[in-house]
N, C-alpha and C. Protein backbone atom coordinates (compact mmCIF):
# COMPACT_ATOMS: atom_id res chain seq x y z
N MET A 1 80.73 57.01 80.19
CA MET A 1 81.29 56.99 81.52
C MET A 1 81.91 58.35 81.84
N THR A 2 81.64 58.89 83.00
CA THR A 2 82.18 60.20 83.36
C THR A 2 83.55 60.05 84.01
N CYS A 3 84.30 61.15 83.96
CA CYS A 3 85.65 61.20 84.52
C CYS A 3 85.57 61.02 86.04
N SER A 4 86.50 60.22 86.58
CA SER A 4 86.48 59.98 88.02
C SER A 4 87.14 61.11 88.81
N PHE A 5 87.77 62.06 88.10
CA PHE A 5 88.40 63.19 88.80
C PHE A 5 87.49 64.41 88.83
N CYS A 6 87.02 64.86 87.66
CA CYS A 6 86.20 66.08 87.60
C CYS A 6 84.70 65.78 87.65
N ASN A 7 84.30 64.58 87.34
CA ASN A 7 82.89 64.16 87.32
C ASN A 7 82.03 65.01 86.39
N GLU A 8 82.62 65.57 85.35
CA GLU A 8 81.86 66.41 84.42
C GLU A 8 81.94 65.89 82.99
N LYS A 9 83.15 65.63 82.52
CA LYS A 9 83.35 65.25 81.11
C LYS A 9 83.33 63.74 80.96
N GLU A 10 83.12 63.35 79.73
CA GLU A 10 83.12 61.92 79.41
C GLU A 10 84.55 61.44 79.18
N THR A 11 84.81 60.20 79.53
CA THR A 11 86.13 59.62 79.29
C THR A 11 86.26 59.28 77.81
N GLU A 12 87.51 59.04 77.39
CA GLU A 12 87.74 58.76 75.97
C GLU A 12 87.38 57.33 75.59
N GLY A 13 87.45 56.43 76.52
CA GLY A 13 87.14 55.04 76.21
C GLY A 13 86.53 54.34 77.42
N TRP A 14 86.12 53.10 77.19
CA TRP A 14 85.48 52.34 78.27
C TRP A 14 86.45 51.96 79.37
N LEU A 15 87.71 51.74 79.04
CA LEU A 15 88.69 51.29 80.02
C LEU A 15 89.39 52.44 80.73
N LYS A 16 89.22 53.65 80.23
CA LYS A 16 89.88 54.81 80.83
C LYS A 16 88.97 55.44 81.88
N SER A 17 89.60 55.96 82.95
CA SER A 17 88.78 56.54 84.01
C SER A 17 88.88 58.06 84.08
N TYR A 18 89.74 58.69 83.23
CA TYR A 18 89.91 60.14 83.24
C TYR A 18 89.57 60.71 81.87
N CYS A 19 89.08 61.94 81.87
CA CYS A 19 88.87 62.65 80.60
C CYS A 19 90.24 63.14 80.11
N LYS A 20 90.26 63.77 78.95
CA LYS A 20 91.53 64.17 78.34
C LYS A 20 92.28 65.20 79.18
N SER A 21 91.59 66.23 79.68
CA SER A 21 92.26 67.27 80.46
C SER A 21 92.70 66.76 81.83
N CYS A 22 91.90 65.93 82.47
CA CYS A 22 92.29 65.38 83.78
C CYS A 22 93.44 64.40 83.63
N ALA A 23 93.47 63.65 82.54
CA ALA A 23 94.58 62.74 82.29
C ALA A 23 95.87 63.53 82.10
N ASN A 24 95.76 64.69 81.45
CA ASN A 24 96.93 65.56 81.27
C ASN A 24 97.41 66.08 82.63
N LEU A 25 96.50 66.49 83.49
CA LEU A 25 96.87 66.93 84.84
C LEU A 25 97.54 65.80 85.62
N ARG A 26 97.01 64.62 85.51
CA ARG A 26 97.57 63.47 86.22
C ARG A 26 98.99 63.18 85.74
N ARG A 27 99.21 63.28 84.41
CA ARG A 27 100.56 63.07 83.87
C ARG A 27 101.54 64.10 84.40
N MET A 28 101.09 65.35 84.51
CA MET A 28 101.97 66.40 85.05
C MET A 28 102.33 66.11 86.50
N LEU A 29 101.37 65.64 87.27
CA LEU A 29 101.65 65.31 88.66
C LEU A 29 102.60 64.13 88.80
N VAL A 30 102.52 63.20 87.85
CA VAL A 30 103.43 62.05 87.88
C VAL A 30 104.83 62.46 87.42
N LEU A 31 104.90 63.30 86.38
CA LEU A 31 106.20 63.72 85.84
C LEU A 31 106.95 64.63 86.81
N TYR A 32 106.25 65.58 87.37
CA TYR A 32 106.87 66.54 88.28
C TYR A 32 106.44 66.20 89.70
N ASP A 33 107.17 66.70 90.64
CA ASP A 33 106.84 66.48 92.05
C ASP A 33 105.49 67.11 92.36
N SER A 34 104.64 66.37 93.05
CA SER A 34 103.30 66.89 93.35
C SER A 34 103.36 68.14 94.22
N GLU A 35 104.31 68.21 95.15
CA GLU A 35 104.47 69.41 95.99
C GLU A 35 104.84 70.62 95.15
N LYS A 36 105.69 70.40 94.14
CA LYS A 36 106.08 71.49 93.25
C LYS A 36 104.87 71.98 92.45
N CYS A 37 104.06 71.06 91.96
CA CYS A 37 102.84 71.43 91.21
C CYS A 37 101.87 72.20 92.10
N ILE A 38 101.70 71.76 93.33
CA ILE A 38 100.80 72.45 94.26
C ILE A 38 101.33 73.84 94.58
N ASP A 39 102.64 73.97 94.77
CA ASP A 39 103.24 75.27 95.04
C ASP A 39 103.02 76.24 93.88
N ILE A 40 103.22 75.75 92.65
CA ILE A 40 103.01 76.59 91.46
C ILE A 40 101.55 77.01 91.35
N LEU A 41 100.64 76.09 91.55
CA LEU A 41 99.21 76.41 91.48
C LEU A 41 98.81 77.41 92.56
N ASN A 42 99.37 77.27 93.76
CA ASN A 42 99.07 78.22 94.83
C ASN A 42 99.58 79.61 94.49
N ARG A 43 100.79 79.70 93.93
CA ARG A 43 101.35 81.01 93.59
C ARG A 43 100.62 81.67 92.43
N VAL A 44 100.15 80.88 91.49
CA VAL A 44 99.54 81.44 90.28
C VAL A 44 98.04 81.67 90.42
N LEU A 45 97.34 80.72 90.99
CA LEU A 45 95.88 80.78 90.97
C LEU A 45 95.25 81.36 92.23
N LEU A 46 95.87 81.18 93.38
CA LEU A 46 95.26 81.62 94.62
C LEU A 46 95.76 83.00 95.02
N ARG A 47 94.89 83.79 95.62
CA ARG A 47 95.22 85.13 96.07
C ARG A 47 94.97 85.25 97.57
N THR A 48 95.90 85.93 98.25
CA THR A 48 95.71 86.19 99.68
C THR A 48 94.92 87.48 99.85
N ASP A 49 94.48 87.75 101.07
CA ASP A 49 93.74 88.98 101.34
C ASP A 49 94.59 90.21 101.05
N ALA A 50 95.88 90.15 101.36
CA ALA A 50 96.77 91.29 101.10
C ALA A 50 96.90 91.55 99.60
N GLN A 51 97.00 90.47 98.80
CA GLN A 51 97.10 90.63 97.35
C GLN A 51 95.81 91.20 96.78
N ILE A 52 94.67 90.77 97.30
CA ILE A 52 93.38 91.28 96.82
C ILE A 52 93.25 92.76 97.16
N THR A 53 93.63 93.14 98.38
CA THR A 53 93.56 94.55 98.79
C THR A 53 94.48 95.40 97.94
N ASN A 54 95.69 94.90 97.66
CA ASN A 54 96.64 95.63 96.83
C ASN A 54 96.08 95.84 95.43
N LYS A 55 95.46 94.81 94.86
CA LYS A 55 94.89 94.92 93.52
C LYS A 55 93.75 95.95 93.50
N ILE A 56 92.91 95.94 94.51
CA ILE A 56 91.81 96.91 94.59
C ILE A 56 92.37 98.33 94.66
N ASN A 57 93.39 98.54 95.50
CA ASN A 57 94.00 99.86 95.62
C ASN A 57 94.63 100.31 94.31
N MET A 58 95.29 99.38 93.61
CA MET A 58 95.89 99.73 92.32
C MET A 58 94.83 100.13 91.30
N GLU A 59 93.71 99.41 91.29
CA GLU A 59 92.63 99.73 90.35
C GLU A 59 91.99 101.07 90.68
N LEU A 60 91.90 101.41 91.96
CA LEU A 60 91.34 102.69 92.35
C LEU A 60 92.27 103.84 91.99
N LYS A 61 93.57 103.61 91.99
CA LYS A 61 94.54 104.66 91.68
C LYS A 61 94.65 104.93 90.18
N LYS A 62 94.24 104.01 89.33
CA LYS A 62 94.41 104.17 87.88
C LYS A 62 93.76 105.44 87.33
N PRO A 63 92.48 105.75 87.66
CA PRO A 63 91.89 106.97 87.12
C PRO A 63 92.64 108.23 87.58
N ILE A 64 93.13 108.22 88.81
CA ILE A 64 93.87 109.37 89.33
C ILE A 64 95.17 109.54 88.57
N LEU A 65 95.88 108.42 88.33
CA LEU A 65 97.15 108.48 87.62
C LEU A 65 96.96 108.93 86.18
N THR A 66 95.90 108.46 85.53
CA THR A 66 95.68 108.88 84.14
C THR A 66 95.34 110.37 84.07
N ALA A 67 94.61 110.88 85.06
CA ALA A 67 94.29 112.31 85.09
C ALA A 67 95.57 113.13 85.28
N ILE A 68 96.45 112.67 86.16
CA ILE A 68 97.71 113.38 86.40
C ILE A 68 98.58 113.35 85.14
N LYS A 69 98.65 112.20 84.48
CA LYS A 69 99.45 112.09 83.25
C LYS A 69 98.90 113.01 82.17
N LYS A 70 97.58 113.14 82.09
CA LYS A 70 96.97 114.01 81.09
C LYS A 70 97.32 115.47 81.37
N GLU A 71 97.28 115.85 82.64
CA GLU A 71 97.64 117.23 82.99
C GLU A 71 99.09 117.51 82.66
N VAL A 72 99.97 116.58 82.94
CA VAL A 72 101.39 116.76 82.65
C VAL A 72 101.61 116.88 81.15
N SER A 73 100.95 116.04 80.37
CA SER A 73 101.12 116.13 78.92
C SER A 73 100.56 117.44 78.37
N ASP A 74 99.46 117.94 78.95
CA ASP A 74 98.92 119.24 78.52
C ASP A 74 99.89 120.36 78.83
N ILE A 75 100.53 120.31 79.99
CA ILE A 75 101.52 121.34 80.36
C ILE A 75 102.70 121.29 79.41
N LYS A 76 103.17 120.10 79.07
CA LYS A 76 104.29 119.96 78.14
C LYS A 76 103.94 120.50 76.76
N LYS A 77 102.69 120.25 76.32
CA LYS A 77 102.26 120.77 75.02
C LYS A 77 102.23 122.30 75.04
N ASP A 78 101.75 122.88 76.14
CA ASP A 78 101.72 124.33 76.26
C ASP A 78 103.13 124.91 76.24
N GLN A 79 104.05 124.26 76.93
CA GLN A 79 105.44 124.72 76.94
C GLN A 79 106.05 124.62 75.55
N ALA A 80 105.73 123.57 74.82
CA ALA A 80 106.25 123.41 73.46
C ALA A 80 105.70 124.50 72.54
N ASN A 81 104.43 124.83 72.72
CA ASN A 81 103.84 125.88 71.90
C ASN A 81 104.44 127.24 72.24
N ASP A 82 104.76 127.48 73.52
CA ASP A 82 105.39 128.73 73.91
C ASP A 82 106.77 128.87 73.27
N LYS A 83 107.50 127.78 73.16
CA LYS A 83 108.82 127.83 72.55
C LYS A 83 108.73 128.10 71.06
N LYS A 84 107.69 127.60 70.41
CA LYS A 84 107.52 127.85 68.98
C LYS A 84 107.24 129.33 68.72
N ASP A 85 106.49 129.99 69.59
CA ASP A 85 106.16 131.39 69.41
C ASP A 85 107.34 132.32 69.69
N TYR A 86 108.33 131.83 70.39
CA TYR A 86 109.46 132.64 70.80
C TYR A 86 110.42 132.82 69.63
N ASP A 87 110.76 134.07 69.34
CA ASP A 87 111.74 134.38 68.30
C ASP A 87 113.09 134.59 68.97
N ALA A 88 114.06 133.79 68.59
CA ALA A 88 115.39 133.91 69.17
C ALA A 88 116.05 135.17 68.64
N PRO A 89 116.76 135.90 69.48
CA PRO A 89 117.43 137.11 69.02
C PRO A 89 118.56 136.77 68.06
N SER A 90 118.70 137.60 67.06
CA SER A 90 119.77 137.37 66.09
C SER A 90 120.84 138.44 66.30
N THR A 91 121.64 138.29 67.30
CA THR A 91 122.66 139.29 67.62
C THR A 91 124.00 138.99 66.98
N ARG A 92 124.24 137.78 66.59
CA ARG A 92 125.52 137.42 66.00
C ARG A 92 125.33 136.93 64.59
N SER A 93 126.25 137.23 63.79
CA SER A 93 126.23 136.77 62.41
C SER A 93 126.86 135.40 62.33
N LYS A 94 126.36 134.58 61.47
CA LYS A 94 126.88 133.23 61.36
C LYS A 94 127.92 133.11 60.25
N THR A 95 128.35 134.19 59.69
CA THR A 95 129.37 134.11 58.64
C THR A 95 130.73 133.97 59.29
N LYS A 96 131.58 133.20 58.63
CA LYS A 96 132.90 132.95 59.17
C LYS A 96 133.85 134.07 58.74
N VAL A 97 134.71 134.44 59.64
CA VAL A 97 135.69 135.49 59.37
C VAL A 97 137.06 134.83 59.36
N ASP A 98 137.82 135.08 58.30
CA ASP A 98 139.18 134.54 58.23
C ASP A 98 140.12 135.47 58.95
N LEU A 99 140.81 134.93 59.91
CA LEU A 99 141.79 135.70 60.66
C LEU A 99 143.17 135.33 60.16
N LYS A 100 143.94 136.35 59.69
CA LYS A 100 145.29 136.09 59.18
C LYS A 100 146.29 136.85 59.94
């Protein structure tokens, strides 16, 4: 016997009308308010046109951002190498002088 909700899976027994996953969904709807469940499903699973457009724009910006980050890291590496080549002047002695 097939599930009366999804019409795809077999039920667990002859007297049951829901498959295991649909029975779990039904229990959640009974335990929690159905409006609350619908609100959660709408927020999590459904996307509006604005959200889809925003996601597309974010995905298009990723290669540009990675290229900019690579350039910045290359500049920082060059600056670090320049500092290593620089010899600091030794104009002062580091020995302590006792003043009496």
